[in-house]
N, C-alpha and C. Protein backbone atom coordinates (compact mmCIF):
# COMPACT_ATOMS: atom_id res chain seq x y z
N MET A 1 -16.34 131.26 93.58
CA MET A 1 -15.07 130.62 93.51
C MET A 1 -14.00 131.60 93.29
N ASN A 2 -12.90 131.43 93.96
CA ASN A 2 -11.79 132.36 93.85
C ASN A 2 -10.73 131.77 92.91
N PHE A 3 -10.66 132.31 91.64
CA PHE A 3 -9.75 131.80 90.65
C PHE A 3 -8.31 132.24 90.94
N GLY A 4 -8.17 133.33 91.68
CA GLY A 4 -6.80 133.84 91.97
C GLY A 4 -5.97 132.85 92.71
N ARG A 5 -6.60 132.12 93.54
CA ARG A 5 -5.86 131.12 94.33
C ARG A 5 -5.49 129.85 93.59
N ASN A 6 -6.22 129.57 92.52
CA ASN A 6 -5.98 128.29 91.80
C ASN A 6 -5.86 128.60 90.29
N PRO A 7 -4.65 128.94 89.84
CA PRO A 7 -4.43 129.27 88.40
C PRO A 7 -4.59 128.07 87.46
N ILE A 8 -4.51 126.88 88.00
CA ILE A 8 -4.70 125.70 87.21
C ILE A 8 -6.13 125.67 86.60
N LEU A 9 -7.12 126.06 87.40
CA LEU A 9 -8.49 126.11 86.88
C LEU A 9 -8.64 127.11 85.74
N ILE A 10 -7.92 128.23 85.82
CA ILE A 10 -7.96 129.26 84.79
C ILE A 10 -7.35 128.65 83.48
N VAL A 11 -6.22 127.98 83.62
CA VAL A 11 -5.54 127.38 82.44
C VAL A 11 -6.48 126.30 81.80
N ILE A 12 -7.12 125.52 82.57
CA ILE A 12 -8.02 124.49 82.06
C ILE A 12 -9.19 125.11 81.36
N ALA A 13 -9.78 126.15 81.96
CA ALA A 13 -10.90 126.91 81.37
C ALA A 13 -10.49 127.46 80.03
N LEU A 14 -9.32 128.09 79.97
CA LEU A 14 -8.84 128.73 78.72
C LEU A 14 -8.60 127.66 77.65
N PHE A 15 -8.06 126.50 78.05
CA PHE A 15 -7.83 125.42 77.13
C PHE A 15 -9.14 124.97 76.49
N PHE A 16 -10.15 124.69 77.29
CA PHE A 16 -11.46 124.30 76.74
C PHE A 16 -12.12 125.38 75.90
N LEU A 17 -11.97 126.62 76.33
CA LEU A 17 -12.50 127.69 75.51
C LEU A 17 -11.78 127.76 74.13
N LEU A 18 -10.47 127.60 74.15
CA LEU A 18 -9.70 127.60 72.88
C LEU A 18 -10.10 126.43 72.02
N PHE A 19 -10.29 125.27 72.62
CA PHE A 19 -10.69 124.06 71.91
C PHE A 19 -12.03 124.28 71.25
N ILE A 20 -12.99 124.85 71.94
CA ILE A 20 -14.36 125.06 71.44
C ILE A 20 -14.29 126.08 70.27
N VAL A 21 -13.60 127.16 70.50
CA VAL A 21 -13.50 128.22 69.45
C VAL A 21 -12.86 127.70 68.17
N LEU A 22 -11.78 126.95 68.32
CA LEU A 22 -11.01 126.39 67.11
C LEU A 22 -11.96 125.35 66.39
N SER A 23 -12.72 124.57 67.08
CA SER A 23 -13.59 123.62 66.44
C SER A 23 -14.72 124.31 65.64
N ILE A 24 -15.18 125.42 66.16
CA ILE A 24 -16.21 126.18 65.44
C ILE A 24 -15.64 126.91 64.23
N VAL A 25 -14.43 127.51 64.38
CA VAL A 25 -13.86 128.26 63.34
C VAL A 25 -13.38 127.34 62.18
N ASN A 26 -12.92 126.16 62.52
CA ASN A 26 -12.39 125.25 61.47
C ASN A 26 -13.37 124.36 60.79
N ARG A 27 -14.66 124.52 61.06
CA ARG A 27 -15.70 123.78 60.37
C ARG A 27 -15.68 124.11 58.89
N LYS A 28 -15.64 123.11 58.08
CA LYS A 28 -15.74 123.37 56.65
C LYS A 28 -16.89 122.59 56.06
N SER A 29 -17.62 123.25 55.22
CA SER A 29 -18.79 122.57 54.57
C SER A 29 -18.21 121.95 53.25
N SER A 30 -18.65 120.77 52.99
CA SER A 30 -18.21 120.01 51.80
C SER A 30 -19.00 120.56 50.59
N THR A 31 -18.28 120.83 49.54
CA THR A 31 -18.97 121.26 48.30
C THR A 31 -19.03 120.13 47.29
N SER A 32 -18.40 119.00 47.63
CA SER A 32 -18.43 117.83 46.67
C SER A 32 -19.60 116.98 47.01
N LEU A 33 -19.97 116.11 46.06
CA LEU A 33 -21.09 115.22 46.26
C LEU A 33 -20.76 114.18 47.28
N GLY A 34 -21.72 113.95 48.17
CA GLY A 34 -21.59 112.86 49.13
C GLY A 34 -22.16 111.61 48.54
N ASP A 35 -22.03 110.51 49.26
CA ASP A 35 -22.51 109.21 48.83
C ASP A 35 -24.01 109.20 48.60
N THR A 36 -24.75 109.90 49.46
CA THR A 36 -26.20 109.90 49.31
C THR A 36 -26.59 110.63 48.02
N ASP A 37 -25.89 111.75 47.75
CA ASP A 37 -26.15 112.45 46.46
C ASP A 37 -25.77 111.62 45.28
N ARG A 38 -24.68 110.84 45.36
CA ARG A 38 -24.30 109.97 44.25
C ARG A 38 -25.32 108.90 44.06
N ALA A 39 -25.91 108.36 45.13
CA ALA A 39 -26.94 107.30 44.96
C ALA A 39 -28.15 107.86 44.24
N VAL A 40 -28.56 109.10 44.62
CA VAL A 40 -29.72 109.73 43.99
C VAL A 40 -29.44 109.97 42.52
N ARG A 41 -28.26 110.52 42.22
CA ARG A 41 -27.90 110.86 40.84
C ARG A 41 -27.76 109.53 39.97
N THR A 42 -27.32 108.47 40.58
CA THR A 42 -27.18 107.20 39.84
C THR A 42 -28.57 106.71 39.46
N ASN A 43 -29.50 106.72 40.38
CA ASN A 43 -30.82 106.29 40.13
C ASN A 43 -31.48 107.23 39.09
N GLN A 44 -31.29 108.54 39.21
CA GLN A 44 -31.86 109.48 38.19
C GLN A 44 -31.29 109.20 36.79
N ALA A 45 -30.00 108.94 36.73
CA ALA A 45 -29.40 108.63 35.41
C ALA A 45 -29.96 107.43 34.82
N LEU A 46 -30.25 106.40 35.60
CA LEU A 46 -30.87 105.11 35.12
C LEU A 46 -32.29 105.48 34.55
N GLN A 47 -33.00 106.22 35.27
CA GLN A 47 -34.36 106.59 34.87
C GLN A 47 -34.31 107.44 33.56
N ARG A 48 -33.40 108.39 33.52
CA ARG A 48 -33.27 109.24 32.35
C ARG A 48 -32.94 108.41 31.04
N VAL A 49 -31.99 107.50 31.17
CA VAL A 49 -31.59 106.72 30.01
C VAL A 49 -32.79 105.82 29.57
N MET A 50 -33.44 105.21 30.50
CA MET A 50 -34.54 104.33 30.15
C MET A 50 -35.72 105.09 29.54
N LYS A 51 -35.97 106.26 30.03
CA LYS A 51 -37.07 107.14 29.40
C LYS A 51 -36.70 107.59 28.03
N ALA A 52 -35.41 107.95 27.87
CA ALA A 52 -34.93 108.38 26.60
C ALA A 52 -35.00 107.24 25.55
N GLU A 53 -34.65 106.03 26.01
CA GLU A 53 -34.74 104.85 25.12
C GLU A 53 -36.22 104.65 24.73
N ASP A 54 -37.11 104.81 25.67
CA ASP A 54 -38.55 104.66 25.33
C ASP A 54 -38.98 105.67 24.28
N LYS A 55 -38.54 106.91 24.42
CA LYS A 55 -38.90 107.93 23.43
C LYS A 55 -38.28 107.60 22.06
N TYR A 56 -36.99 107.21 22.07
CA TYR A 56 -36.32 106.83 20.84
C TYR A 56 -37.04 105.68 20.15
N PHE A 57 -37.49 104.68 20.92
CA PHE A 57 -38.20 103.54 20.37
C PHE A 57 -39.49 103.99 19.78
N GLU A 58 -40.22 104.87 20.43
CA GLU A 58 -41.49 105.38 19.89
C GLU A 58 -41.29 106.10 18.57
N GLN A 59 -40.16 106.85 18.43
CA GLN A 59 -39.93 107.66 17.28
C GLN A 59 -39.36 106.82 16.13
N ASN A 60 -38.56 105.83 16.42
CA ASN A 60 -37.80 105.09 15.38
C ASN A 60 -38.12 103.63 15.22
N GLY A 61 -38.97 103.05 16.16
CA GLY A 61 -39.31 101.64 16.08
C GLY A 61 -38.17 100.72 16.42
N LYS A 62 -37.12 101.25 17.00
CA LYS A 62 -35.95 100.45 17.48
C LYS A 62 -35.28 101.23 18.56
N TYR A 63 -34.44 100.57 19.32
CA TYR A 63 -33.69 101.25 20.36
C TYR A 63 -32.40 101.85 19.83
N ALA A 64 -31.93 102.85 20.46
CA ALA A 64 -30.67 103.55 20.05
C ALA A 64 -29.45 102.60 20.20
N GLN A 65 -28.59 102.70 19.25
CA GLN A 65 -27.35 101.95 19.33
C GLN A 65 -26.28 102.61 20.18
N HIS A 66 -26.37 103.89 20.25
CA HIS A 66 -25.35 104.66 20.94
C HIS A 66 -25.95 105.65 21.94
N LEU A 67 -25.29 105.82 23.03
CA LEU A 67 -25.74 106.79 24.02
C LEU A 67 -25.88 108.20 23.48
N ALA A 68 -25.04 108.53 22.54
CA ALA A 68 -25.10 109.88 21.94
C ALA A 68 -26.42 110.07 21.28
N ASP A 69 -27.09 109.03 20.80
CA ASP A 69 -28.38 109.20 20.11
C ASP A 69 -29.46 109.61 21.10
N LEU A 70 -29.21 109.42 22.39
CA LEU A 70 -30.22 109.67 23.42
C LEU A 70 -30.05 111.09 24.02
N ILE A 71 -28.95 111.71 23.86
CA ILE A 71 -28.69 112.99 24.51
C ILE A 71 -29.62 114.05 24.00
N PRO A 72 -29.96 114.12 22.69
CA PRO A 72 -30.98 115.12 22.31
C PRO A 72 -32.35 114.95 23.01
N LEU A 73 -32.67 113.70 23.37
CA LEU A 73 -33.93 113.43 24.05
C LEU A 73 -33.86 113.66 25.55
N ALA A 74 -32.67 113.53 26.08
CA ALA A 74 -32.44 113.72 27.54
C ALA A 74 -31.06 114.38 27.76
N PRO A 75 -30.96 115.69 27.61
CA PRO A 75 -29.71 116.36 27.70
C PRO A 75 -28.94 116.22 29.03
N ARG A 76 -29.70 115.92 30.06
CA ARG A 76 -29.04 115.73 31.39
C ARG A 76 -28.14 114.52 31.46
N ILE A 77 -28.31 113.59 30.54
CA ILE A 77 -27.42 112.44 30.47
C ILE A 77 -25.97 112.91 30.25
N ALA A 78 -25.79 113.90 29.43
CA ALA A 78 -24.48 114.41 29.17
C ALA A 78 -23.89 115.03 30.41
N GLY A 79 -24.77 115.67 31.21
CA GLY A 79 -24.35 116.26 32.49
C GLY A 79 -23.86 115.19 33.47
N ASP A 80 -24.62 114.11 33.55
CA ASP A 80 -24.24 113.02 34.41
C ASP A 80 -22.90 112.46 34.13
N LEU A 81 -22.62 112.33 32.79
CA LEU A 81 -21.32 111.80 32.39
C LEU A 81 -20.22 112.85 32.59
N THR A 82 -20.47 114.07 32.30
CA THR A 82 -19.52 115.11 32.45
C THR A 82 -19.11 115.34 33.90
N ASP A 83 -20.13 115.27 34.77
CA ASP A 83 -19.90 115.51 36.22
C ASP A 83 -19.07 114.36 36.81
N GLY A 84 -18.95 113.28 36.15
CA GLY A 84 -18.25 112.12 36.68
C GLY A 84 -19.00 111.39 37.74
N VAL A 85 -20.32 111.61 37.80
CA VAL A 85 -21.11 110.95 38.80
C VAL A 85 -21.32 109.48 38.46
N VAL A 86 -21.60 109.22 37.20
CA VAL A 86 -21.94 107.88 36.80
C VAL A 86 -21.18 107.47 35.54
N SER A 87 -21.15 106.14 35.34
CA SER A 87 -20.58 105.60 34.10
C SER A 87 -21.79 104.85 33.49
N ILE A 88 -22.03 105.13 32.18
CA ILE A 88 -23.19 104.53 31.51
C ILE A 88 -22.67 103.77 30.33
N GLN A 89 -23.13 102.51 30.25
CA GLN A 89 -22.81 101.66 29.10
C GLN A 89 -24.13 101.18 28.48
N LEU A 90 -24.23 101.31 27.19
CA LEU A 90 -25.45 100.91 26.48
C LEU A 90 -25.04 99.97 25.38
N ASP A 91 -25.74 98.84 25.34
CA ASP A 91 -25.45 97.86 24.26
C ASP A 91 -26.78 97.51 23.54
N SER A 92 -26.76 97.80 22.28
CA SER A 92 -27.97 97.52 21.49
C SER A 92 -27.47 97.28 20.06
N SER A 93 -28.11 96.38 19.38
CA SER A 93 -27.74 96.14 17.99
C SER A 93 -28.66 96.98 17.06
N GLY A 94 -29.36 97.93 17.68
CA GLY A 94 -30.26 98.77 16.88
C GLY A 94 -31.54 98.08 16.56
N ASP A 95 -31.98 97.18 17.38
CA ASP A 95 -33.18 96.51 17.09
C ASP A 95 -34.19 96.77 18.26
N LYS A 96 -34.85 95.73 18.75
CA LYS A 96 -35.85 95.93 19.77
C LYS A 96 -35.45 95.48 21.16
N THR A 97 -34.09 95.40 21.38
CA THR A 97 -33.54 94.99 22.69
C THR A 97 -32.34 95.81 23.02
N TYR A 98 -32.19 96.18 24.28
CA TYR A 98 -30.94 96.82 24.70
C TYR A 98 -30.61 96.34 26.14
N PHE A 99 -29.29 96.48 26.41
CA PHE A 99 -28.77 96.19 27.75
C PHE A 99 -28.09 97.45 28.28
N LEU A 100 -28.39 97.80 29.51
CA LEU A 100 -27.91 99.07 30.05
C LEU A 100 -27.27 98.79 31.41
N THR A 101 -26.11 99.42 31.60
CA THR A 101 -25.45 99.46 32.92
C THR A 101 -25.19 100.93 33.30
N VAL A 102 -25.67 101.25 34.52
CA VAL A 102 -25.45 102.58 35.08
C VAL A 102 -24.72 102.30 36.44
N ALA A 103 -23.49 102.85 36.59
CA ALA A 103 -22.75 102.58 37.81
C ALA A 103 -22.10 103.83 38.37
N SER A 104 -21.94 103.82 39.64
CA SER A 104 -21.22 104.86 40.38
C SER A 104 -20.45 104.18 41.54
N PRO A 105 -19.64 104.90 42.26
CA PRO A 105 -19.00 104.28 43.42
C PRO A 105 -19.92 103.83 44.49
N VAL A 106 -21.26 104.17 44.41
CA VAL A 106 -22.21 103.85 45.49
C VAL A 106 -23.13 102.70 45.04
N LEU A 107 -23.49 102.71 43.76
CA LEU A 107 -24.50 101.79 43.23
C LEU A 107 -24.19 101.29 41.84
N SER A 108 -24.72 100.12 41.46
CA SER A 108 -24.59 99.67 40.08
C SER A 108 -25.96 99.08 39.69
N PHE A 109 -26.48 99.49 38.56
CA PHE A 109 -27.73 98.94 38.00
C PHE A 109 -27.55 98.32 36.66
N THR A 110 -28.22 97.28 36.34
CA THR A 110 -28.26 96.73 34.98
C THR A 110 -29.70 96.45 34.66
N ARG A 111 -30.04 96.66 33.38
CA ARG A 111 -31.41 96.35 32.85
C ARG A 111 -31.27 95.84 31.45
N THR A 112 -32.09 94.86 31.12
CA THR A 112 -32.28 94.41 29.76
C THR A 112 -33.73 94.69 29.46
N VAL A 113 -33.94 95.37 28.34
CA VAL A 113 -35.31 95.74 27.94
C VAL A 113 -35.47 95.19 26.48
N SER A 114 -36.64 94.61 26.35
CA SER A 114 -36.98 94.08 25.01
C SER A 114 -38.43 94.39 24.72
N ASN A 115 -38.67 95.08 23.61
CA ASN A 115 -40.03 95.50 23.20
C ASN A 115 -40.76 96.22 24.30
N GLY A 116 -40.04 97.10 25.04
CA GLY A 116 -40.68 97.93 26.05
C GLY A 116 -40.82 97.32 27.40
N LYS A 117 -40.41 96.03 27.56
CA LYS A 117 -40.53 95.35 28.85
C LYS A 117 -39.15 95.05 29.41
N VAL A 118 -39.01 95.29 30.70
CA VAL A 118 -37.76 94.94 31.40
C VAL A 118 -37.74 93.47 31.57
N ILE A 119 -36.77 92.77 30.98
CA ILE A 119 -36.75 91.30 31.07
C ILE A 119 -35.72 90.83 32.07
N THR A 120 -34.65 91.63 32.32
CA THR A 120 -33.73 91.31 33.42
C THR A 120 -33.39 92.66 34.14
N HIS A 121 -33.23 92.53 35.43
CA HIS A 121 -32.80 93.72 36.18
C HIS A 121 -31.99 93.26 37.38
N SER A 122 -30.99 94.04 37.69
CA SER A 122 -30.17 93.72 38.80
C SER A 122 -29.56 95.02 39.34
N CYS A 123 -29.11 94.94 40.62
CA CYS A 123 -28.47 96.06 41.22
C CYS A 123 -27.48 95.58 42.22
N LEU A 124 -26.57 96.40 42.60
CA LEU A 124 -25.62 96.12 43.61
C LEU A 124 -25.30 97.35 44.43
N GLN A 125 -25.48 97.26 45.74
CA GLN A 125 -25.20 98.38 46.62
C GLN A 125 -23.74 98.26 47.05
N LEU A 126 -22.96 99.24 46.62
CA LEU A 126 -21.53 99.24 46.95
C LEU A 126 -21.22 99.92 48.23
N LYS A 127 -22.07 100.90 48.56
CA LYS A 127 -22.00 101.63 49.85
C LYS A 127 -23.33 101.77 50.48
N SER A 128 -23.37 101.97 51.76
CA SER A 128 -24.65 101.98 52.45
C SER A 128 -25.59 103.06 52.05
N ALA A 129 -25.07 104.15 51.47
CA ALA A 129 -25.92 105.25 51.00
C ALA A 129 -26.84 104.81 49.88
N GLY A 130 -26.57 103.69 49.21
CA GLY A 130 -27.39 103.18 48.12
C GLY A 130 -28.52 102.28 48.57
N LYS A 131 -28.66 102.09 49.86
CA LYS A 131 -29.64 101.15 50.43
C LYS A 131 -31.10 101.51 50.00
N THR A 132 -31.36 102.76 49.79
CA THR A 132 -32.70 103.18 49.38
C THR A 132 -33.07 102.61 48.04
N TYR A 133 -32.12 102.44 47.22
CA TYR A 133 -32.34 102.02 45.79
C TYR A 133 -32.07 100.53 45.57
N CYS A 134 -31.29 99.92 46.43
CA CYS A 134 -30.89 98.56 46.17
C CYS A 134 -30.48 97.92 47.50
N THR A 135 -31.01 96.76 47.81
CA THR A 135 -30.69 96.07 49.08
C THR A 135 -29.69 94.98 48.86
N ARG A 136 -29.36 94.62 47.63
CA ARG A 136 -28.32 93.56 47.38
C ARG A 136 -26.91 94.11 47.59
N LYS A 137 -26.21 93.56 48.53
CA LYS A 137 -24.87 93.99 48.89
C LYS A 137 -23.74 93.07 48.32
N THR A 138 -22.59 93.56 48.39
CA THR A 138 -21.44 92.72 47.89
C THR A 138 -21.33 91.43 48.63
N ASP A 139 -21.79 91.38 49.88
CA ASP A 139 -21.74 90.12 50.71
C ASP A 139 -22.68 89.05 50.07
N ASP A 140 -23.64 89.48 49.32
CA ASP A 140 -24.72 88.60 48.76
C ASP A 140 -24.19 87.91 47.44
N ILE A 141 -23.06 88.39 46.96
CA ILE A 141 -22.56 87.77 45.76
C ILE A 141 -21.90 86.42 46.06
N PRO A 142 -22.24 85.41 45.31
CA PRO A 142 -21.65 84.07 45.58
C PRO A 142 -20.18 84.11 45.26
N LYS A 143 -19.41 83.41 46.05
CA LYS A 143 -17.98 83.34 45.83
C LYS A 143 -17.56 82.64 44.56
N SER A 144 -18.35 81.68 44.14
CA SER A 144 -18.15 81.01 42.87
C SER A 144 -19.45 80.66 42.28
N LEU A 145 -19.45 80.58 40.97
CA LEU A 145 -20.67 80.23 40.22
C LEU A 145 -20.63 78.73 39.87
N PRO A 146 -21.78 78.14 39.86
CA PRO A 146 -21.80 76.71 39.50
C PRO A 146 -21.33 76.49 38.03
N ALA A 147 -20.74 75.35 37.75
CA ALA A 147 -20.32 75.07 36.39
C ALA A 147 -21.48 74.97 35.49
N SER A 148 -21.31 75.41 34.26
CA SER A 148 -22.40 75.41 33.30
C SER A 148 -22.68 73.97 32.91
């Protein structure tokens, strides 16, 4: 092919070459957590808190009243909170029952544990990356609850 006779082909070829080179050069890797990573970390935080509560119960005969009581047993809980990956709420009157909520922008888990047994559990998938850990979606939430 004789490019000297058709400069338009040269311009088009240079344009495509420039486009390809710029797309390769401008690729940036993300250093922040993605939704899949957040889903994994949310599930891990749930497991960490529940295992720490089990240890606390074995040592003290009751569940911890405060999340701070569990950090010596599972120091990574502090990391989960510091990293801003999850929000953890623990409710216990210091007896044999506790209620736990672990939430992130991807997933939300709740558990009620009494005497070592999970008596209620629920989850909500807020983004599709949480599907591995929870299949209940926001579409599954009833628009209104029946009157008591």
